[in-house]
Amino acid sequence: MGCENMLKEKIQSTIGLIEDVVDNRQKENDNANTDIRNSIFFDSFANLKPSIISYILARKNFNFTIQPHTVATLQELMNYSKITFDNSKPVDPSSFNHKSRVFINSIAKEWETFYRTNNSDLINGLNIIVLVHPTPNVVRSCITAFNKCEKWPLTLESIDSYKEARQIAGVLLKEMRFDDEIRDFLTKVRDKKATLTDITPSILEWIKTENIADKVSLSIRNTI
């Protein structure tokens, strides 16, 4: 009888140990899952943050606005983030990660469209006058600043460079004093499509006035 009681006690003790192990393992799994959820959320939030900052900068400096569906996604992300920080516990971080990537892609495309629409004429003008301007390196510097600011996310540095380049570019374009006819001619020169028939008396006079005859060249194309 004594042996049976001892065996029963050992069995109960073993069962207790097993339950403790299972309980500890469950806690370890829960902690591991929590770590994974936290990692997904904070990694996603870190990737999202530059776009949020850029959006604030773009609104302030360029009056940039985003589409209603992008606004709705941003509101969802901000609400989720607030709840997560308030509760110190992310819920469904994979959904947050997905919506973050959707938002970043959407706002980057919308910025590119907005930026090109508002700056295409100026950039095209710079790409034309760089061929004949007496200080082409200054023109190229402006072009570089414009191209840098087109890239999302933005930075204060790129915005400041853009503002400075825009002022300089306005002066450079005014210095060249050319109309649509001259612009079209220089575009053809840039694209290597200009011919002698494109050199009208007014264009020839402009070339002489600007003293850039040595910078304008034509070539013979093989049309066969």
N, C-alpha and C. Protein backbone atom coordinates (compact mmCIF):
# COMPACT_ATOMS: atom_id res chain seq x y z
N MET A 1 0.83 -1.20 0.00
CA MET A 1 0.00 0.00 0.00
C MET A 1 0.86 1.25 0.00
N GLY A 2 1.94 1.16 0.81
CA GLY A 2 2.85 2.30 0.85
C GLY A 2 3.50 2.57 -0.47
N CYS A 3 3.85 1.50 -1.18
CA CYS A 3 4.49 1.66 -2.51
C CYS A 3 3.53 2.31 -3.47
N GLU A 4 2.26 1.92 -3.38
CA GLU A 4 1.27 2.49 -4.30
C GLU A 4 1.11 3.99 -4.04
N ASN A 5 1.10 4.36 -2.76
CA ASN A 5 0.97 5.78 -2.43
C ASN A 5 2.17 6.58 -2.92
N MET A 6 3.37 5.99 -2.76
CA MET A 6 4.57 6.66 -3.24
C MET A 6 4.53 6.84 -4.74
N LEU A 7 4.06 5.79 -5.46
CA LEU A 7 3.99 5.85 -6.92
C LEU A 7 2.98 6.91 -7.35
N LYS A 8 1.86 6.94 -6.63
CA LYS A 8 0.83 7.92 -6.95
C LYS A 8 1.35 9.33 -6.74
N GLU A 9 2.11 9.54 -5.65
CA GLU A 9 2.67 10.85 -5.38
C GLU A 9 3.67 11.26 -6.46
N LYS A 10 4.46 10.27 -6.91
CA LYS A 10 5.44 10.58 -7.97
C LYS A 10 4.74 10.94 -9.28
N ILE A 11 3.65 10.20 -9.55
CA ILE A 11 2.89 10.48 -10.77
C ILE A 11 2.30 11.88 -10.71
N GLN A 12 1.69 12.21 -9.56
CA GLN A 12 1.10 13.54 -9.39
C GLN A 12 2.17 14.63 -9.51
N SER A 13 3.32 14.34 -8.89
CA SER A 13 4.43 15.31 -8.96
C SER A 13 4.90 15.50 -10.39
N THR A 14 5.01 14.37 -11.12
CA THR A 14 5.45 14.43 -12.52
C THR A 14 4.44 15.20 -13.37
N ILE A 15 3.15 14.92 -13.13
CA ILE A 15 2.10 15.63 -13.87
C ILE A 15 2.19 17.14 -13.61
N GLY A 16 2.45 17.47 -12.33
CA GLY A 16 2.60 18.88 -11.98
C GLY A 16 3.76 19.52 -12.70
N LEU A 17 4.88 18.79 -12.77
CA LEU A 17 6.06 19.30 -13.47
C LEU A 17 5.76 19.50 -14.96
N ILE A 18 5.05 18.51 -15.53
CA ILE A 18 4.71 18.60 -16.95
C ILE A 18 3.82 19.81 -17.20
N GLU A 19 2.84 20.01 -16.32
CA GLU A 19 1.94 21.16 -16.46
C GLU A 19 2.71 22.47 -16.36
N ASP A 20 3.70 22.49 -15.43
CA ASP A 20 4.53 23.69 -15.29
C ASP A 20 5.33 23.97 -16.56
N VAL A 21 5.88 22.87 -17.13
CA VAL A 21 6.66 23.00 -18.37
C VAL A 21 5.79 23.51 -19.51
N VAL A 22 4.58 22.91 -19.61
CA VAL A 22 3.65 23.33 -20.66
C VAL A 22 3.26 24.79 -20.48
N ASP A 23 2.99 25.16 -19.22
CA ASP A 23 2.60 26.54 -18.93
C ASP A 23 3.73 27.51 -19.26
N ASN A 24 4.96 27.14 -18.88
CA ASN A 24 6.11 27.99 -19.18
C ASN A 24 6.36 28.12 -20.67
N ARG A 25 6.18 26.98 -21.35
CA ARG A 25 6.38 27.00 -22.80
C ARG A 25 5.33 27.88 -23.47
N GLN A 26 4.09 27.83 -22.96
CA GLN A 26 3.03 28.67 -23.52
C GLN A 26 3.34 30.14 -23.31
N LYS A 27 3.88 30.45 -22.11
CA LYS A 27 4.28 31.83 -21.83
C LYS A 27 5.41 32.26 -22.76
N GLU A 28 6.36 31.33 -23.00
CA GLU A 28 7.46 31.65 -23.91
C GLU A 28 6.94 31.90 -25.31
N ASN A 29 5.97 31.06 -25.75
CA ASN A 29 5.38 31.24 -27.07
C ASN A 29 4.63 32.57 -27.17
N ASP A 30 3.89 32.86 -26.08
CA ASP A 30 3.15 34.13 -26.07
C ASP A 30 4.12 35.31 -26.13
N ASN A 31 5.21 35.21 -25.38
CA ASN A 31 6.21 36.28 -25.39
C ASN A 31 6.86 36.40 -26.77
N ALA A 32 7.12 35.24 -27.39
CA ALA A 32 7.74 35.24 -28.72
C ALA A 32 6.79 35.87 -29.73
N ASN A 33 5.50 35.52 -29.64
CA ASN A 33 4.50 36.10 -30.56
C ASN A 33 4.36 37.60 -30.33
N THR A 34 4.43 37.99 -29.07
CA THR A 34 4.37 39.42 -28.75
C THR A 34 5.57 40.15 -29.35
N ASP A 35 6.74 39.53 -29.23
CA ASP A 35 7.96 40.13 -29.80
C ASP A 35 7.82 40.27 -31.32
N ILE A 36 7.24 39.26 -31.94
CA ILE A 36 7.06 39.30 -33.41
C ILE A 36 6.10 40.42 -33.79
N ARG A 37 4.98 40.50 -33.07
CA ARG A 37 4.00 41.56 -33.35
C ARG A 37 4.60 42.94 -33.14
N ASN A 38 5.35 43.08 -32.04
CA ASN A 38 6.00 44.37 -31.77
C ASN A 38 6.99 44.72 -32.88
N SER A 39 7.75 43.72 -33.31
CA SER A 39 8.76 43.95 -34.35
C SER A 39 8.10 44.39 -35.65
N ILE A 40 7.02 43.71 -36.03
CA ILE A 40 6.32 44.06 -37.27
C ILE A 40 5.78 45.49 -37.19
N PHE A 41 5.17 45.81 -36.04
CA PHE A 41 4.58 47.15 -35.89
C PHE A 41 5.65 48.24 -35.93
N PHE A 42 6.69 48.09 -35.11
CA PHE A 42 7.69 49.15 -35.02
C PHE A 42 8.52 49.28 -36.29
N ASP A 43 8.78 48.17 -36.98
CA ASP A 43 9.47 48.25 -38.28
C ASP A 43 8.60 48.99 -39.29
N SER A 44 7.30 48.68 -39.29
CA SER A 44 6.37 49.33 -40.21
C SER A 44 6.26 50.82 -39.89
N PHE A 45 6.19 51.13 -38.59
CA PHE A 45 6.07 52.52 -38.17
C PHE A 45 7.33 53.31 -38.55
N ALA A 46 8.49 52.68 -38.40
CA ALA A 46 9.75 53.34 -38.77
C ALA A 46 9.79 53.63 -40.26
N ASN A 47 9.27 52.72 -41.09
CA ASN A 47 9.23 52.93 -42.54
C ASN A 47 8.21 54.00 -42.92
N LEU A 48 7.14 54.09 -42.12
CA LEU A 48 6.08 55.05 -42.40
C LEU A 48 6.46 56.47 -42.02
N LYS A 49 7.22 56.63 -40.97
CA LYS A 49 7.52 57.94 -40.39
C LYS A 49 8.09 58.94 -41.40
N PRO A 50 9.07 58.58 -42.25
CA PRO A 50 9.61 59.56 -43.21
C PRO A 50 8.54 60.11 -44.16
N SER A 51 7.57 59.27 -44.53
CA SER A 51 6.51 59.73 -45.43
C SER A 51 5.55 60.68 -44.71
N ILE A 52 5.32 60.44 -43.43
CA ILE A 52 4.48 61.35 -42.65
C ILE A 52 5.15 62.72 -42.55
N ILE A 53 6.43 62.71 -42.22
CA ILE A 53 7.18 63.97 -42.11
C ILE A 53 7.22 64.68 -43.46
N SER A 54 7.44 63.91 -44.53
CA SER A 54 7.49 64.49 -45.87
C SER A 54 6.15 65.12 -46.26
N TYR A 55 5.06 64.46 -45.88
CA TYR A 55 3.74 64.98 -46.20
C TYR A 55 3.52 66.33 -45.52
N ILE A 56 3.94 66.43 -44.26
CA ILE A 56 3.82 67.70 -43.54
C ILE A 56 4.66 68.79 -44.23
N LEU A 57 5.87 68.45 -44.61
CA LEU A 57 6.75 69.40 -45.29
C LEU A 57 6.17 69.81 -46.65
N ALA A 58 5.64 68.84 -47.38
CA ALA A 58 5.10 69.12 -48.71
C ALA A 58 3.86 70.01 -48.64
N ARG A 59 3.01 69.77 -47.65
CA ARG A 59 1.83 70.62 -47.46
C ARG A 59 2.25 72.05 -47.14
N LYS A 60 3.23 72.19 -46.28
CA LYS A 60 3.67 73.51 -45.82
C LYS A 60 4.38 74.29 -46.92
N ASN A 61 5.22 73.62 -47.69
CA ASN A 61 6.08 74.31 -48.66
C ASN A 61 5.54 74.32 -50.08
N PHE A 62 4.65 73.38 -50.42
CA PHE A 62 4.18 73.28 -51.80
C PHE A 62 2.65 73.25 -51.93
N ASN A 63 1.94 73.35 -50.79
CA ASN A 63 0.48 73.22 -50.80
C ASN A 63 0.05 71.89 -51.43
N PHE A 64 0.81 70.87 -51.15
CA PHE A 64 0.55 69.52 -51.69
C PHE A 64 -0.60 68.87 -50.93
N THR A 65 -1.57 68.35 -51.68
CA THR A 65 -2.68 67.61 -51.08
C THR A 65 -2.75 66.21 -51.68
N ILE A 66 -3.30 65.28 -50.93
CA ILE A 66 -3.39 63.90 -51.40
C ILE A 66 -4.85 63.52 -51.67
N GLN A 67 -5.02 62.44 -52.40
CA GLN A 67 -6.34 61.99 -52.79
C GLN A 67 -7.14 61.51 -51.57
N PRO A 68 -8.49 61.60 -51.64
CA PRO A 68 -9.34 61.20 -50.50
C PRO A 68 -9.06 59.80 -49.98
N HIS A 69 -8.84 58.83 -50.90
CA HIS A 69 -8.60 57.46 -50.43
C HIS A 69 -7.26 57.35 -49.71
N THR A 70 -6.29 58.18 -50.10
CA THR A 70 -5.00 58.19 -49.40
C THR A 70 -5.14 58.84 -48.03
N VAL A 71 -5.98 59.88 -47.96
CA VAL A 71 -6.27 60.52 -46.67
C VAL A 71 -6.92 59.51 -45.73
N ALA A 72 -7.86 58.73 -46.25
CA ALA A 72 -8.56 57.74 -45.42
C ALA A 72 -7.58 56.69 -44.87
N THR A 73 -6.65 56.25 -45.72
CA THR A 73 -5.65 55.27 -45.28
C THR A 73 -4.76 55.87 -44.20
N LEU A 74 -4.37 57.12 -44.38
CA LEU A 74 -3.53 57.79 -43.39
C LEU A 74 -4.25 57.91 -42.05
N GLN A 75 -5.53 58.24 -42.08
CA GLN A 75 -6.31 58.35 -40.85
C GLN A 75 -6.38 57.01 -40.12
N GLU A 76 -6.56 55.93 -40.88
CA GLU A 76 -6.59 54.60 -40.28
C GLU A 76 -5.26 54.27 -39.61
N LEU A 77 -4.18 54.60 -40.28
CA LEU A 77 -2.85 54.32 -39.73
C LEU A 77 -2.60 55.13 -38.45
N MET A 78 -3.01 56.38 -38.45
CA MET A 78 -2.81 57.22 -37.27
C MET A 78 -3.67 56.73 -36.10
N ASN A 79 -4.91 56.35 -36.38
CA ASN A 79 -5.78 55.83 -35.32
C ASN A 79 -5.22 54.55 -34.73
N TYR A 80 -4.76 53.66 -35.61
CA TYR A 80 -4.19 52.38 -35.14
C TYR A 80 -2.95 52.64 -34.29
N SER A 81 -2.10 53.57 -34.74
CA SER A 81 -0.88 53.87 -34.00
C SER A 81 -1.20 54.41 -32.62
N LYS A 82 -2.18 55.29 -32.54
CA LYS A 82 -2.55 55.88 -31.24
C LYS A 82 -3.04 54.79 -30.29
N ILE A 83 -3.91 53.91 -30.79
CA ILE A 83 -4.43 52.83 -29.94
C ILE A 83 -3.29 51.92 -29.48
N THR A 84 -2.38 51.62 -30.38
CA THR A 84 -1.26 50.75 -30.05
C THR A 84 -0.39 51.36 -28.95
N PHE A 85 -0.07 52.64 -29.10
CA PHE A 85 0.78 53.28 -28.09
C PHE A 85 0.03 53.46 -26.77
N ASP A 86 -1.28 53.75 -26.85
CA ASP A 86 -2.07 53.90 -25.63
C ASP A 86 -2.13 52.59 -24.84
N ASN A 87 -2.29 51.47 -25.57
CA ASN A 87 -2.43 50.16 -24.92
C ASN A 87 -1.12 49.42 -24.77
N SER A 88 -0.05 49.97 -25.38
CA SER A 88 1.27 49.30 -25.35
C SER A 88 1.19 47.89 -25.89
N LYS A 89 0.32 47.71 -26.89
CA LYS A 89 0.14 46.36 -27.43
C LYS A 89 -0.41 46.45 -28.85
N PRO A 90 0.37 46.03 -29.86
CA PRO A 90 -0.13 46.06 -31.24
C PRO A 90 -1.08 44.90 -31.51
N VAL A 91 -2.16 45.20 -32.19
CA VAL A 91 -3.13 44.17 -32.59
C VAL A 91 -3.16 44.12 -34.12
N ASP A 92 -2.99 42.96 -34.68
CA ASP A 92 -2.98 42.76 -36.13
C ASP A 92 -1.97 43.69 -36.82
N PRO A 93 -0.70 43.59 -36.42
CA PRO A 93 0.32 44.47 -37.02
C PRO A 93 0.55 44.19 -38.50
N SER A 94 0.21 42.99 -38.95
CA SER A 94 0.39 42.67 -40.38
C SER A 94 -0.50 43.55 -41.24
N SER A 95 -1.71 43.82 -40.75
CA SER A 95 -2.62 44.71 -41.48
C SER A 95 -2.05 46.12 -41.50
N PHE A 96 -1.48 46.56 -40.38
CA PHE A 96 -0.85 47.88 -40.31
C PHE A 96 0.31 47.96 -41.29
N ASN A 97 1.09 46.90 -41.38
CA ASN A 97 2.23 46.86 -42.29
C ASN A 97 1.76 46.98 -43.74
N HIS A 98 0.70 46.24 -44.07
CA HIS A 98 0.17 46.28 -45.45
C HIS A 98 -0.34 47.68 -45.79
N LYS A 99 -1.14 48.27 -44.90
CA LYS A 99 -1.70 49.59 -45.16
C LYS A 99 -0.60 50.65 -45.22
N SER A 100 0.44 50.47 -44.44
CA SER A 100 1.57 51.41 -44.47
C SER A 100 2.23 51.40 -45.85
N ARG A 101 2.46 50.20 -46.38
CA ARG A 101 3.10 50.09 -47.69
C ARG A 101 2.21 50.65 -48.78
N VAL A 102 0.90 50.43 -48.67
CA VAL A 102 -0.05 50.98 -49.64
C VAL A 102 0.00 52.51 -49.60
N PHE A 103 0.00 53.06 -48.40
CA PHE A 103 0.03 54.53 -48.24
C PHE A 103 1.31 55.11 -48.81
N ILE A 104 2.45 54.52 -48.48
CA ILE A 104 3.74 55.03 -48.95
C ILE A 104 3.81 55.02 -50.47
N ASN A 105 3.37 53.93 -51.08
CA ASN A 105 3.38 53.84 -52.54
C ASN A 105 2.45 54.87 -53.17
N SER A 106 1.27 55.04 -52.57
CA SER A 106 0.28 55.98 -53.12
C SER A 106 0.77 57.41 -53.04
N ILE A 107 1.27 57.81 -51.87
CA ILE A 107 1.66 59.21 -51.71
C ILE A 107 2.91 59.53 -52.53
N ALA A 108 3.79 58.55 -52.71
CA ALA A 108 4.98 58.77 -53.54
C ALA A 108 4.58 59.03 -54.99
N LYS A 109 3.61 58.26 -55.50
CA LYS A 109 3.15 58.45 -56.88
C LYS A 109 2.41 59.78 -57.04
N GLU A 110 1.60 60.13 -56.03
CA GLU A 110 0.86 61.38 -56.10
C GLU A 110 1.81 62.58 -56.05
N TRP A 111 2.86 62.47 -55.25
CA TRP A 111 3.84 63.56 -55.19
C TRP A 111 4.56 63.70 -56.53
N GLU A 112 4.94 62.59 -57.13
CA GLU A 112 5.65 62.64 -58.41
C GLU A 112 4.79 63.35 -59.47
N THR A 113 3.51 62.99 -59.52
CA THR A 113 2.60 63.62 -60.48
C THR A 113 2.45 65.11 -60.19
N PHE A 114 2.24 65.46 -58.92
CA PHE A 114 2.09 66.85 -58.51
C PHE A 114 3.34 67.65 -58.84
N TYR A 115 4.49 67.11 -58.52
CA TYR A 115 5.76 67.82 -58.70
C TYR A 115 6.05 68.07 -60.18
N ARG A 116 5.86 67.04 -61.00
CA ARG A 116 6.14 67.20 -62.43
C ARG A 116 5.17 68.18 -63.08
N THR A 117 3.92 68.14 -62.66
CA THR A 117 2.92 69.06 -63.21
C THR A 117 3.30 70.50 -62.93
N ASN A 118 3.81 70.76 -61.75
CA ASN A 118 4.11 72.13 -61.33
C ASN A 118 5.50 72.62 -61.73
N ASN A 119 6.37 71.71 -62.17
CA ASN A 119 7.74 72.11 -62.47
C ASN A 119 8.24 71.70 -63.86
N SER A 120 7.41 71.04 -64.64
CA SER A 120 7.88 70.49 -65.92
C SER A 120 8.36 71.58 -66.87
N ASP A 121 7.62 72.70 -66.96
CA ASP A 121 8.03 73.77 -67.88
C ASP A 121 9.39 74.35 -67.49
N LEU A 122 9.57 74.55 -66.19
CA LEU A 122 10.83 75.12 -65.71
C LEU A 122 11.99 74.17 -65.95
N ILE A 123 11.77 72.89 -65.67
CA ILE A 123 12.83 71.90 -65.85
C ILE A 123 13.16 71.74 -67.33
N ASN A 124 12.13 71.72 -68.18
CA ASN A 124 12.37 71.63 -69.63
C ASN A 124 13.16 72.83 -70.12
N GLY A 125 12.84 74.01 -69.58
CA GLY A 125 13.58 75.21 -69.97
C GLY A 125 15.05 75.12 -69.59
N LEU A 126 15.31 74.59 -68.41
CA LEU A 126 16.70 74.43 -67.97
C LEU A 126 17.44 73.42 -68.84
N ASN A 127 16.75 72.34 -69.19
CA ASN A 127 17.37 71.32 -70.04
C ASN A 127 17.69 71.84 -71.43
N ILE A 128 16.99 72.90 -71.82
CA ILE A 128 17.26 73.52 -73.12
C ILE A 128 18.40 74.53 -73.03
N ILE A 129 18.34 75.44 -72.05
CA ILE A 129 19.35 76.50 -72.02
C ILE A 129 20.73 76.00 -71.57
N VAL A 130 20.76 74.81 -70.97
CA VAL A 130 22.07 74.29 -70.56
C VAL A 130 22.97 74.08 -71.77
N LEU A 131 22.36 73.95 -72.95
CA LEU A 131 23.13 73.75 -74.17
C LEU A 131 23.92 74.99 -74.57
N VAL A 132 23.38 76.17 -74.23
CA VAL A 132 23.97 77.40 -74.77
C VAL A 132 24.29 78.44 -73.70
N HIS A 133 23.95 78.18 -72.47
CA HIS A 133 24.18 79.19 -71.43
C HIS A 133 25.67 79.33 -71.14
N PRO A 134 26.13 80.57 -70.86
CA PRO A 134 27.57 80.79 -70.61
C PRO A 134 28.07 80.11 -69.33
N THR A 135 27.16 79.78 -68.41
CA THR A 135 27.57 79.07 -67.18
C THR A 135 26.75 77.79 -67.05
N PRO A 136 27.03 76.80 -67.89
CA PRO A 136 26.22 75.57 -67.88
C PRO A 136 26.27 74.81 -66.56
N ASN A 137 27.37 74.93 -65.82
CA ASN A 137 27.47 74.21 -64.54
C ASN A 137 26.43 74.72 -63.54
N VAL A 138 26.14 76.03 -63.59
CA VAL A 138 25.12 76.59 -62.71
C VAL A 138 23.75 76.03 -63.09
N VAL A 139 23.51 75.91 -64.39
CA VAL A 139 22.24 75.35 -64.87
C VAL A 139 22.12 73.89 -64.44
N ARG A 140 23.19 73.15 -64.60
CA ARG A 140 23.16 71.73 -64.21
C ARG A 140 22.92 71.57 -62.71
N SER A 141 23.47 72.48 -61.92
CA SER A 141 23.27 72.43 -60.48
C SER A 141 21.79 72.62 -60.14
N CYS A 142 21.14 73.51 -60.85
CA CYS A 142 19.70 73.72 -60.64
C CYS A 142 18.91 72.47 -61.03
N ILE A 143 19.27 71.88 -62.14
CA ILE A 143 18.59 70.66 -62.60
C ILE A 143 18.74 69.55 -61.57
N THR A 144 19.94 69.41 -61.02
CA THR A 144 20.18 68.39 -59.99
C THR A 144 19.31 68.62 -58.77
N ALA A 145 19.18 69.88 -58.35
CA ALA A 145 18.35 70.21 -57.18
C ALA A 145 16.88 69.89 -57.45
N PHE A 146 16.41 70.20 -58.67
CA PHE A 146 15.02 69.89 -59.03
C PHE A 146 14.78 68.39 -59.03
N ASN A 147 15.70 67.65 -59.59
CA ASN A 147 15.54 66.19 -59.66
C ASN A 147 15.56 65.56 -58.27
N LYS A 148 16.39 66.10 -57.38
CA LYS A 148 16.50 65.56 -56.03
C LYS A 148 15.20 65.76 -55.26
N CYS A 149 14.55 66.89 -55.44
CA CYS A 149 13.32 67.20 -54.71
C CYS A 149 12.13 66.39 -55.23
N GLU A 150 12.27 65.81 -56.41
CA GLU A 150 11.19 64.99 -56.95
C GLU A 150 11.10 63.64 -56.23
N LYS A 151 12.21 63.23 -55.62
CA LYS A 151 12.26 61.91 -54.99
C LYS A 151 11.58 61.92 -53.62
N TRP A 152 10.78 60.92 -53.39
CA TRP A 152 10.07 60.75 -52.12
C TRP A 152 10.78 59.68 -51.29
N PRO A 153 10.95 59.88 -49.97
CA PRO A 153 10.48 61.00 -49.17
C PRO A 153 11.35 62.23 -49.28
N LEU A 154 10.78 63.38 -48.91
CA LEU A 154 11.49 64.64 -48.98
C LEU A 154 12.34 64.85 -47.73
N THR A 155 13.24 65.82 -47.85
CA THR A 155 14.03 66.24 -46.70
C THR A 155 14.06 67.77 -46.70
N LEU A 156 14.35 68.34 -45.55
CA LEU A 156 14.49 69.80 -45.48
C LEU A 156 15.59 70.29 -46.40
N GLU A 157 16.65 69.49 -46.50
CA GLU A 157 17.78 69.85 -47.36
C GLU A 157 17.36 69.94 -48.82
N SER A 158 16.59 68.93 -49.28
CA SER A 158 16.17 68.92 -50.69
C SER A 158 15.20 70.06 -50.98
N ILE A 159 14.35 70.40 -50.00
CA ILE A 159 13.40 71.50 -50.19
C ILE A 159 14.13 72.84 -50.24
N ASP A 160 15.08 73.04 -49.35
CA ASP A 160 15.86 74.29 -49.35
C ASP A 160 16.64 74.43 -50.65
N SER A 161 17.21 73.31 -51.13
CA SER A 161 17.96 73.35 -52.40
C SER A 161 17.03 73.67 -53.56
N TYR A 162 15.82 73.13 -53.50
CA TYR A 162 14.82 73.40 -54.55
C TYR A 162 14.47 74.89 -54.59
N LYS A 163 14.19 75.46 -53.42
CA LYS A 163 13.80 76.87 -53.36
C LYS A 163 14.91 77.76 -53.91
N GLU A 164 16.14 77.47 -53.54
CA GLU A 164 17.26 78.26 -54.04
C GLU A 164 17.42 78.08 -55.55
N ALA A 165 17.30 76.84 -56.01
CA ALA A 165 17.44 76.56 -57.45
C ALA A 165 16.33 77.22 -58.25
N ARG A 166 15.14 77.27 -57.70
CA ARG A 166 14.02 77.88 -58.43
C ARG A 166 14.25 79.38 -58.64
N GLN A 167 14.80 80.04 -57.64
CA GLN A 167 15.10 81.46 -57.79
C GLN A 167 16.18 81.69 -58.84
N ILE A 168 17.22 80.87 -58.78
CA ILE A 168 18.32 80.99 -59.75
C ILE A 168 17.83 80.67 -61.15
N ALA A 169 17.01 79.62 -61.25
CA ALA A 169 16.50 79.19 -62.56
C ALA A 169 15.68 80.29 -63.22
N GLY A 170 14.87 80.99 -62.44
CA GLY A 170 14.08 82.08 -63.00
C GLY A 170 14.96 83.15 -63.61
N VAL A 171 16.05 83.47 -62.93
CA VAL A 171 16.98 84.47 -63.44
C VAL A 171 17.68 83.97 -64.71
N LEU A 172 18.11 82.70 -64.68
CA LEU A 172 18.82 82.14 -65.84
C LEU A 172 17.95 82.14 -67.09
N LEU A 173 16.68 81.78 -66.93
CA LEU A 173 15.79 81.72 -68.08
C LEU A 173 15.51 83.12 -68.64
N LYS A 174 15.40 84.11 -67.75
CA LYS A 174 15.18 85.48 -68.21
C LYS A 174 16.40 86.01 -68.96
N GLU A 175 17.58 85.60 -68.52
CA GLU A 175 18.82 86.06 -69.16
C GLU A 175 18.90 85.64 -70.62
N MET A 176 18.36 84.47 -70.94
CA MET A 176 18.50 83.94 -72.30
C MET A 176 17.56 84.62 -73.29
N ARG A 177 16.46 85.19 -72.81
CA ARG A 177 15.54 85.97 -73.65
C ARG A 177 15.17 85.24 -74.94
N PHE A 178 14.51 84.10 -74.82
CA PHE A 178 14.06 83.44 -76.04
C PHE A 178 12.57 83.15 -76.00
N ASP A 179 11.97 83.18 -77.21
CA ASP A 179 10.53 82.96 -77.33
C ASP A 179 10.27 81.50 -77.70
N ASP A 180 9.01 81.20 -78.04
CA ASP A 180 8.63 79.81 -78.36
C ASP A 180 9.37 79.29 -79.60
N GLU A 181 9.61 80.17 -80.58
CA GLU A 181 10.30 79.73 -81.80
C GLU A 181 11.73 79.30 -81.47
N ILE A 182 12.40 80.07 -80.66
CA ILE A 182 13.78 79.73 -80.28
C ILE A 182 13.79 78.51 -79.38
N ARG A 183 12.80 78.43 -78.49
CA ARG A 183 12.70 77.25 -77.63
C ARG A 183 12.56 75.97 -78.47
N ASP A 184 11.69 76.03 -79.48
CA ASP A 184 11.48 74.86 -80.34
C ASP A 184 12.76 74.50 -81.09
N PHE A 185 13.48 75.53 -81.54
CA PHE A 185 14.73 75.29 -82.26
C PHE A 185 15.75 74.62 -81.35
N LEU A 186 15.92 75.14 -80.13
CA LEU A 186 16.90 74.56 -79.21
C LEU A 186 16.51 73.14 -78.78
N THR A 187 15.20 72.90 -78.72
CA THR A 187 14.75 71.55 -78.41
C THR A 187 15.16 70.58 -79.51
N LYS A 188 15.04 71.03 -80.75
CA LYS A 188 15.46 70.19 -81.88
C LYS A 188 16.97 69.99 -81.87
N VAL A 189 17.72 71.04 -81.49
CA VAL A 189 19.17 70.91 -81.38
C VAL A 189 19.53 69.89 -80.31
N ARG A 190 18.86 70.00 -79.18
CA ARG A 190 19.11 69.06 -78.07
C ARG A 190 18.83 67.62 -78.50
N ASP A 191 17.75 67.43 -79.25
CA ASP A 191 17.35 66.08 -79.67
C ASP A 191 18.01 65.65 -80.97
N LYS A 192 18.95 66.50 -81.46
CA LYS A 192 19.69 66.21 -82.70
C LYS A 192 18.75 66.07 -83.91
N LYS A 193 17.72 66.91 -83.94
CA LYS A 193 16.76 66.88 -85.04
C LYS A 193 16.73 68.20 -85.82
N ALA A 194 17.59 69.13 -85.45
CA ALA A 194 17.60 70.44 -86.12
C ALA A 194 18.24 70.34 -87.50
N THR A 195 17.69 71.09 -88.43
CA THR A 195 18.24 71.16 -89.79
C THR A 195 18.45 72.63 -90.16
N LEU A 196 19.10 72.87 -91.30
CA LEU A 196 19.34 74.23 -91.75
C LEU A 196 18.04 75.00 -91.96
N THR A 197 16.99 74.28 -92.36
CA THR A 197 15.71 74.95 -92.60
C THR A 197 15.09 75.48 -91.30
N ASP A 198 15.56 75.00 -90.18
CA ASP A 198 15.04 75.47 -88.89
C ASP A 198 15.66 76.80 -88.47
N ILE A 199 16.76 77.16 -89.13
CA ILE A 199 17.44 78.42 -88.76
C ILE A 199 16.82 79.56 -89.54
N THR A 200 15.80 80.16 -88.96
CA THR A 200 15.11 81.30 -89.57
C THR A 200 15.91 82.58 -89.30
N PRO A 201 15.59 83.66 -90.02
CA PRO A 201 16.30 84.93 -89.78
C PRO A 201 16.24 85.37 -88.32
N SER A 202 15.09 85.20 -87.67
CA SER A 202 14.97 85.63 -86.27
C SER A 202 15.84 84.78 -85.35
N ILE A 203 15.93 83.48 -85.65
CA ILE A 203 16.78 82.59 -84.84
C ILE A 203 18.24 82.92 -85.07
N LEU A 204 18.60 83.18 -86.31
CA LEU A 204 19.99 83.55 -86.62
C LEU A 204 20.37 84.85 -85.90
N GLU A 205 19.45 85.79 -85.88
CA GLU A 205 19.70 87.06 -85.19
C GLU A 205 19.88 86.83 -83.69
N TRP A 206 19.06 85.93 -83.13
CA TRP A 206 19.16 85.62 -81.70
C TRP A 206 20.51 84.98 -81.38
N ILE A 207 20.96 84.08 -82.26
CA ILE A 207 22.26 83.42 -82.06
C ILE A 207 23.38 84.45 -82.06
N LYS A 208 23.29 85.43 -82.97
CA LYS A 208 24.32 86.47 -83.04
C LYS A 208 24.27 87.36 -81.79
N THR A 209 23.05 87.72 -81.38
CA THR A 209 22.88 88.60 -80.23
C THR A 209 23.43 87.96 -78.95
N GLU A 210 23.17 86.66 -78.79
CA GLU A 210 23.63 85.95 -77.60
C GLU A 210 25.09 85.50 -77.73
N ASN A 211 25.67 85.70 -78.93
CA ASN A 211 27.07 85.33 -79.17
C ASN A 211 27.32 83.85 -78.85
N ILE A 212 26.46 83.00 -79.40
CA ILE A 212 26.58 81.56 -79.13
C ILE A 212 26.72 80.76 -80.42
N ALA A 213 27.17 81.43 -81.48
CA ALA A 213 27.30 80.73 -82.77
C ALA A 213 28.22 79.52 -82.67
N ASP A 214 29.24 79.61 -81.80
CA ASP A 214 30.20 78.52 -81.69
C ASP A 214 29.64 77.35 -80.84
N LYS A 215 28.47 77.57 -80.26
CA LYS A 215 27.88 76.51 -79.43
C LYS A 215 26.78 75.74 -80.16
N VAL A 216 26.33 76.25 -81.28
CA VAL A 216 25.26 75.60 -82.04
C VAL A 216 25.88 74.84 -83.20
N SER A 217 25.63 73.55 -83.26
CA SER A 217 26.19 72.74 -84.34
C SER A 217 25.11 71.86 -84.95
N LEU A 218 25.27 71.61 -86.25
CA LEU A 218 24.36 70.72 -86.98
C LEU A 218 25.17 69.57 -87.54
N SER A 219 24.49 68.52 -87.88
CA SER A 219 25.18 67.36 -88.46
C SER A 219 24.39 66.85 -89.64
N ILE A 220 25.07 66.10 -90.51
CA ILE A 220 24.41 65.51 -91.68
C ILE A 220 23.91 64.13 -91.30
N ARG A 221 22.60 63.93 -91.51
CA ARG A 221 22.00 62.63 -91.19
C ARG A 221 21.93 61.77 -92.44
N ASN A 222 22.15 60.51 -92.25
CA ASN A 222 21.99 59.55 -93.34
C ASN A 222 20.54 59.14 -93.41
N THR A 223 19.83 59.60 -94.44
CA THR A 223 18.39 59.34 -94.56
C THR A 223 18.09 58.10 -95.40
N ILE A 224 19.13 57.40 -95.87
CA ILE A 224 18.91 56.21 -96.71
C ILE A 224 18.46 55.05 -95.84
